[in-house]
Amino acid sequence: MGSMVIVAYRPKPGQEAELEALVREHAPCLRALGLVTERPAQAMRAKDGTIVEVFEWKDGAIEAAHNSSRVAELWERFANACDYVPLRELREAEGMFASFEPMSL
């Protein structure tokens, strides 16, 4: 059994399109490297433009990802395009039922 992850990426100014492209690339890259399960990743957008991604790591894959030069390069591109933010910073997370705009991956 894997581990479900929910991550929020707040785009840096002028990096909205780049971030969206990176989110579309992220799970397929991790899947090609055998790091995530076949469970489809999901992405959604908060009203402030933050993108929330949900995916499932395979057992032990997080450590392997940190040792992958391909993943390091991808995550460096993420760091240039966004800031990682805790879910609690999203206004949508204040309500009982958080609602986001769906994104196609």
N, C-alpha and C. Protein backbone atom coordinates (compact mmCIF):
# COMPACT_ATOMS: atom_id res chain seq x y z
N MET A 1 0.85 -1.18 0.00
CA MET A 1 0.00 0.00 0.00
C MET A 1 0.89 1.23 0.00
N GLY A 2 0.53 2.20 -0.80
CA GLY A 2 1.31 3.41 -0.91
C GLY A 2 0.91 4.46 0.10
N SER A 3 1.28 5.69 -0.19
CA SER A 3 1.00 6.82 0.69
C SER A 3 0.42 7.94 -0.16
N MET A 4 -0.81 8.35 0.17
CA MET A 4 -1.44 9.46 -0.54
C MET A 4 -0.83 10.78 -0.08
N VAL A 5 -0.57 11.66 -1.03
CA VAL A 5 0.03 12.95 -0.75
C VAL A 5 -0.85 14.04 -1.33
N ILE A 6 -1.03 15.11 -0.56
CA ILE A 6 -1.72 16.30 -1.04
C ILE A 6 -0.73 17.45 -0.90
N VAL A 7 -0.43 18.11 -2.00
CA VAL A 7 0.54 19.20 -1.97
C VAL A 7 -0.05 20.43 -2.64
N ALA A 8 0.25 21.61 -2.09
CA ALA A 8 -0.26 22.87 -2.64
C ALA A 8 0.92 23.70 -3.14
N TYR A 9 0.81 24.13 -4.40
CA TYR A 9 1.84 24.93 -5.05
C TYR A 9 1.26 26.32 -5.36
N ARG A 10 1.83 27.35 -4.77
CA ARG A 10 1.38 28.72 -5.06
C ARG A 10 2.33 29.30 -6.11
N PRO A 11 1.81 29.65 -7.28
CA PRO A 11 2.70 30.13 -8.34
C PRO A 11 3.36 31.45 -7.99
N LYS A 12 4.62 31.57 -8.37
CA LYS A 12 5.32 32.85 -8.25
C LYS A 12 4.78 33.76 -9.35
N PRO A 13 4.88 35.07 -9.17
CA PRO A 13 4.34 36.00 -10.18
C PRO A 13 4.88 35.68 -11.58
N GLY A 14 3.95 35.61 -12.53
CA GLY A 14 4.32 35.34 -13.91
C GLY A 14 4.64 33.89 -14.23
N GLN A 15 4.51 33.00 -13.24
CA GLN A 15 4.87 31.59 -13.42
C GLN A 15 3.66 30.65 -13.47
N GLU A 16 2.46 31.21 -13.60
CA GLU A 16 1.25 30.39 -13.57
C GLU A 16 1.25 29.32 -14.66
N ALA A 17 1.55 29.69 -15.89
CA ALA A 17 1.54 28.72 -17.01
C ALA A 17 2.63 27.67 -16.83
N GLU A 18 3.80 28.08 -16.39
CA GLU A 18 4.90 27.13 -16.16
C GLU A 18 4.52 26.14 -15.07
N LEU A 19 3.92 26.63 -13.99
CA LEU A 19 3.52 25.74 -12.91
C LEU A 19 2.48 24.73 -13.39
N GLU A 20 1.51 25.20 -14.15
CA GLU A 20 0.48 24.30 -14.66
C GLU A 20 1.12 23.20 -15.52
N ALA A 21 2.08 23.57 -16.36
CA ALA A 21 2.78 22.59 -17.20
C ALA A 21 3.56 21.59 -16.33
N LEU A 22 4.18 22.08 -15.28
CA LEU A 22 4.94 21.20 -14.39
C LEU A 22 4.04 20.20 -13.68
N VAL A 23 2.88 20.66 -13.23
CA VAL A 23 1.95 19.75 -12.55
C VAL A 23 1.50 18.66 -13.52
N ARG A 24 1.29 19.02 -14.77
CA ARG A 24 0.90 18.01 -15.77
C ARG A 24 2.03 17.01 -16.04
N GLU A 25 3.26 17.44 -15.87
CA GLU A 25 4.43 16.59 -16.12
C GLU A 25 4.78 15.73 -14.90
N HIS A 26 4.44 16.19 -13.72
CA HIS A 26 4.91 15.61 -12.47
C HIS A 26 4.59 14.12 -12.30
N ALA A 27 3.31 13.77 -12.20
CA ALA A 27 2.94 12.37 -11.96
C ALA A 27 3.39 11.45 -13.09
N PRO A 28 3.27 11.85 -14.37
CA PRO A 28 3.79 10.96 -15.42
C PRO A 28 5.29 10.69 -15.30
N CYS A 29 6.05 11.70 -14.90
CA CYS A 29 7.48 11.51 -14.69
C CYS A 29 7.74 10.53 -13.56
N LEU A 30 7.06 10.76 -12.42
CA LEU A 30 7.23 9.87 -11.27
C LEU A 30 6.78 8.45 -11.61
N ARG A 31 5.71 8.34 -12.39
CA ARG A 31 5.21 7.02 -12.78
C ARG A 31 6.20 6.31 -13.69
N ALA A 32 6.80 7.03 -14.64
CA ALA A 32 7.79 6.45 -15.55
C ALA A 32 9.01 5.93 -14.79
N LEU A 33 9.29 6.55 -13.66
CA LEU A 33 10.42 6.12 -12.83
C LEU A 33 10.02 5.04 -11.83
N GLY A 34 8.75 4.63 -11.85
CA GLY A 34 8.26 3.59 -10.96
C GLY A 34 8.06 4.03 -9.52
N LEU A 35 7.82 5.33 -9.32
CA LEU A 35 7.74 5.88 -7.96
C LEU A 35 6.32 6.07 -7.44
N VAL A 36 5.36 6.17 -8.33
CA VAL A 36 3.97 6.35 -7.91
C VAL A 36 3.12 5.21 -8.46
N THR A 37 1.98 5.02 -7.83
CA THR A 37 1.08 3.95 -8.24
C THR A 37 0.34 4.34 -9.52
N GLU A 38 -0.43 3.42 -10.02
CA GLU A 38 -1.25 3.68 -11.21
C GLU A 38 -2.52 4.47 -10.89
N ARG A 39 -2.77 4.72 -9.60
CA ARG A 39 -3.94 5.53 -9.23
C ARG A 39 -3.81 6.89 -9.92
N PRO A 40 -4.82 7.34 -10.63
CA PRO A 40 -4.71 8.63 -11.33
C PRO A 40 -4.48 9.79 -10.37
N ALA A 41 -3.53 10.64 -10.72
CA ALA A 41 -3.30 11.86 -9.96
C ALA A 41 -4.46 12.83 -10.23
N GLN A 42 -4.68 13.73 -9.31
CA GLN A 42 -5.71 14.75 -9.44
C GLN A 42 -5.07 16.11 -9.21
N ALA A 43 -5.59 17.11 -9.90
CA ALA A 43 -5.12 18.48 -9.68
C ALA A 43 -6.32 19.40 -9.67
N MET A 44 -6.22 20.44 -8.89
CA MET A 44 -7.30 21.42 -8.76
C MET A 44 -6.70 22.77 -8.41
N ARG A 45 -7.49 23.82 -8.65
CA ARG A 45 -7.01 25.17 -8.42
C ARG A 45 -7.85 25.86 -7.37
N ALA A 46 -7.17 26.52 -6.43
CA ALA A 46 -7.85 27.35 -5.43
C ALA A 46 -8.16 28.71 -6.05
N LYS A 47 -9.03 29.45 -5.40
CA LYS A 47 -9.42 30.77 -5.92
C LYS A 47 -8.24 31.73 -6.03
N ASP A 48 -7.21 31.56 -5.18
CA ASP A 48 -6.04 32.44 -5.24
C ASP A 48 -5.01 32.00 -6.28
N GLY A 49 -5.32 30.94 -7.04
CA GLY A 49 -4.41 30.46 -8.08
C GLY A 49 -3.50 29.32 -7.65
N THR A 50 -3.51 28.99 -6.36
CA THR A 50 -2.71 27.88 -5.87
C THR A 50 -3.23 26.58 -6.49
N ILE A 51 -2.31 25.72 -6.92
CA ILE A 51 -2.68 24.44 -7.48
C ILE A 51 -2.45 23.36 -6.42
N VAL A 52 -3.45 22.52 -6.24
CA VAL A 52 -3.37 21.40 -5.30
C VAL A 52 -3.29 20.12 -6.12
N GLU A 53 -2.30 19.28 -5.79
CA GLU A 53 -2.11 18.01 -6.49
C GLU A 53 -2.24 16.88 -5.47
N VAL A 54 -2.88 15.79 -5.90
CA VAL A 54 -3.05 14.60 -5.06
C VAL A 54 -2.55 13.41 -5.86
N PHE A 55 -1.63 12.64 -5.26
CA PHE A 55 -1.13 11.45 -5.92
C PHE A 55 -0.68 10.44 -4.86
N GLU A 56 -0.36 9.22 -5.31
CA GLU A 56 0.00 8.15 -4.38
C GLU A 56 1.41 7.64 -4.66
N TRP A 57 2.29 7.81 -3.68
CA TRP A 57 3.64 7.23 -3.75
C TRP A 57 3.56 5.72 -3.55
N LYS A 58 4.44 4.99 -4.20
CA LYS A 58 4.61 3.57 -3.89
C LYS A 58 5.40 3.47 -2.59
N ASP A 59 5.30 2.34 -1.90
CA ASP A 59 6.06 2.12 -0.68
C ASP A 59 7.55 2.33 -0.94
N GLY A 60 8.19 3.13 -0.10
CA GLY A 60 9.63 3.36 -0.19
C GLY A 60 10.06 4.30 -1.31
N ALA A 61 9.12 4.81 -2.08
CA ALA A 61 9.48 5.60 -3.26
C ALA A 61 9.91 7.03 -2.93
N ILE A 62 9.46 7.56 -1.82
CA ILE A 62 9.83 8.94 -1.49
C ILE A 62 11.34 9.06 -1.36
N GLU A 63 11.95 8.12 -0.66
CA GLU A 63 13.41 8.13 -0.52
C GLU A 63 14.08 7.98 -1.87
N ALA A 64 13.57 7.07 -2.69
CA ALA A 64 14.14 6.87 -4.03
C ALA A 64 14.03 8.14 -4.86
N ALA A 65 12.92 8.87 -4.73
CA ALA A 65 12.74 10.12 -5.48
C ALA A 65 13.82 11.13 -5.09
N HIS A 66 14.14 11.18 -3.81
CA HIS A 66 15.16 12.13 -3.35
C HIS A 66 16.56 11.76 -3.83
N ASN A 67 16.73 10.55 -4.32
CA ASN A 67 18.03 10.11 -4.84
C ASN A 67 18.06 10.08 -6.37
N SER A 68 17.02 10.59 -7.01
CA SER A 68 16.91 10.58 -8.47
C SER A 68 17.30 11.94 -9.05
N SER A 69 18.26 11.95 -9.96
CA SER A 69 18.65 13.21 -10.59
C SER A 69 17.53 13.76 -11.45
N ARG A 70 16.74 12.90 -12.07
CA ARG A 70 15.61 13.35 -12.90
C ARG A 70 14.55 14.04 -12.03
N VAL A 71 14.25 13.47 -10.88
CA VAL A 71 13.27 14.08 -9.98
C VAL A 71 13.85 15.38 -9.40
N ALA A 72 15.11 15.39 -9.05
CA ALA A 72 15.74 16.60 -8.51
C ALA A 72 15.63 17.75 -9.52
N GLU A 73 15.85 17.46 -10.79
CA GLU A 73 15.75 18.48 -11.84
C GLU A 73 14.32 18.99 -11.94
N LEU A 74 13.36 18.09 -11.90
CA LEU A 74 11.95 18.49 -11.97
C LEU A 74 11.58 19.34 -10.76
N TRP A 75 11.97 18.90 -9.58
CA TRP A 75 11.63 19.65 -8.37
C TRP A 75 12.33 21.01 -8.33
N GLU A 76 13.49 21.13 -8.94
CA GLU A 76 14.16 22.43 -9.03
C GLU A 76 13.34 23.38 -9.89
N ARG A 77 12.77 22.86 -10.97
CA ARG A 77 11.90 23.67 -11.82
C ARG A 77 10.65 24.09 -11.05
N PHE A 78 10.10 23.19 -10.22
CA PHE A 78 8.97 23.56 -9.36
C PHE A 78 9.38 24.71 -8.43
N ALA A 79 10.54 24.60 -7.81
CA ALA A 79 11.00 25.63 -6.86
C ALA A 79 11.14 26.99 -7.54
N ASN A 80 11.48 27.00 -8.82
CA ASN A 80 11.59 28.26 -9.56
C ASN A 80 10.23 28.84 -9.92
N ALA A 81 9.21 27.98 -10.01
CA ALA A 81 7.89 28.41 -10.46
C ALA A 81 6.89 28.65 -9.33
N CYS A 82 7.16 28.11 -8.13
CA CYS A 82 6.14 28.20 -7.08
C CYS A 82 6.75 28.16 -5.69
N ASP A 83 5.90 28.43 -4.73
CA ASP A 83 6.21 28.20 -3.32
C ASP A 83 5.28 27.10 -2.85
N TYR A 84 5.79 26.19 -2.05
CA TYR A 84 4.96 25.14 -1.45
C TYR A 84 4.28 25.76 -0.23
N VAL A 85 2.99 25.55 -0.10
CA VAL A 85 2.26 26.15 1.02
C VAL A 85 1.45 25.07 1.74
N PRO A 86 1.30 25.20 3.06
CA PRO A 86 0.45 24.26 3.79
C PRO A 86 -1.01 24.43 3.36
N LEU A 87 -1.73 23.33 3.34
CA LEU A 87 -3.15 23.39 2.97
C LEU A 87 -3.93 24.37 3.83
N ARG A 88 -3.56 24.50 5.09
CA ARG A 88 -4.30 25.37 6.00
C ARG A 88 -4.25 26.83 5.57
N GLU A 89 -3.32 27.19 4.68
CA GLU A 89 -3.25 28.57 4.18
C GLU A 89 -4.27 28.85 3.09
N LEU A 90 -4.91 27.82 2.58
CA LEU A 90 -5.91 28.01 1.52
C LEU A 90 -7.26 28.32 2.13
N ARG A 91 -7.88 29.36 1.65
CA ARG A 91 -9.19 29.76 2.16
C ARG A 91 -10.19 28.60 2.06
N GLU A 92 -10.08 27.81 1.00
CA GLU A 92 -10.98 26.68 0.80
C GLU A 92 -10.89 25.67 1.94
N ALA A 93 -9.75 25.57 2.59
CA ALA A 93 -9.55 24.60 3.66
C ALA A 93 -10.23 25.01 4.96
N GLU A 94 -10.75 26.23 5.02
CA GLU A 94 -11.42 26.70 6.23
C GLU A 94 -12.80 26.09 6.41
N GLY A 95 -13.42 25.67 5.33
CA GLY A 95 -14.77 25.15 5.39
C GLY A 95 -14.80 23.66 5.64
N MET A 96 -15.97 23.17 5.97
CA MET A 96 -16.16 21.75 6.20
C MET A 96 -15.89 20.94 4.94
N PHE A 97 -16.31 21.47 3.79
CA PHE A 97 -16.13 20.80 2.51
C PHE A 97 -15.32 21.72 1.60
N ALA A 98 -14.03 21.46 1.48
CA ALA A 98 -13.17 22.29 0.64
C ALA A 98 -13.54 22.06 -0.83
N SER A 99 -13.75 23.12 -1.55
CA SER A 99 -14.16 23.04 -2.95
C SER A 99 -13.16 23.78 -3.82
N PHE A 100 -12.70 23.11 -4.89
CA PHE A 100 -11.69 23.66 -5.79
C PHE A 100 -12.15 23.52 -7.23
N GLU A 101 -11.56 24.33 -8.11
CA GLU A 101 -11.81 24.21 -9.55
C GLU A 101 -11.01 23.02 -10.08
N PRO A 102 -11.64 22.05 -10.72
CA PRO A 102 -10.89 20.91 -11.24
C PRO A 102 -9.99 21.31 -12.41
N MET A 103 -8.86 20.62 -12.53
CA MET A 103 -7.94 20.80 -13.64
C MET A 103 -7.79 19.47 -14.38
N SER A 104 -7.62 19.55 -15.66
CA SER A 104 -7.34 18.35 -16.45
C SER A 104 -5.84 18.08 -16.44
N LEU A 105 -5.49 16.83 -16.25
CA LEU A 105 -4.06 16.48 -16.29
C LEU A 105 -3.73 15.78 -17.56
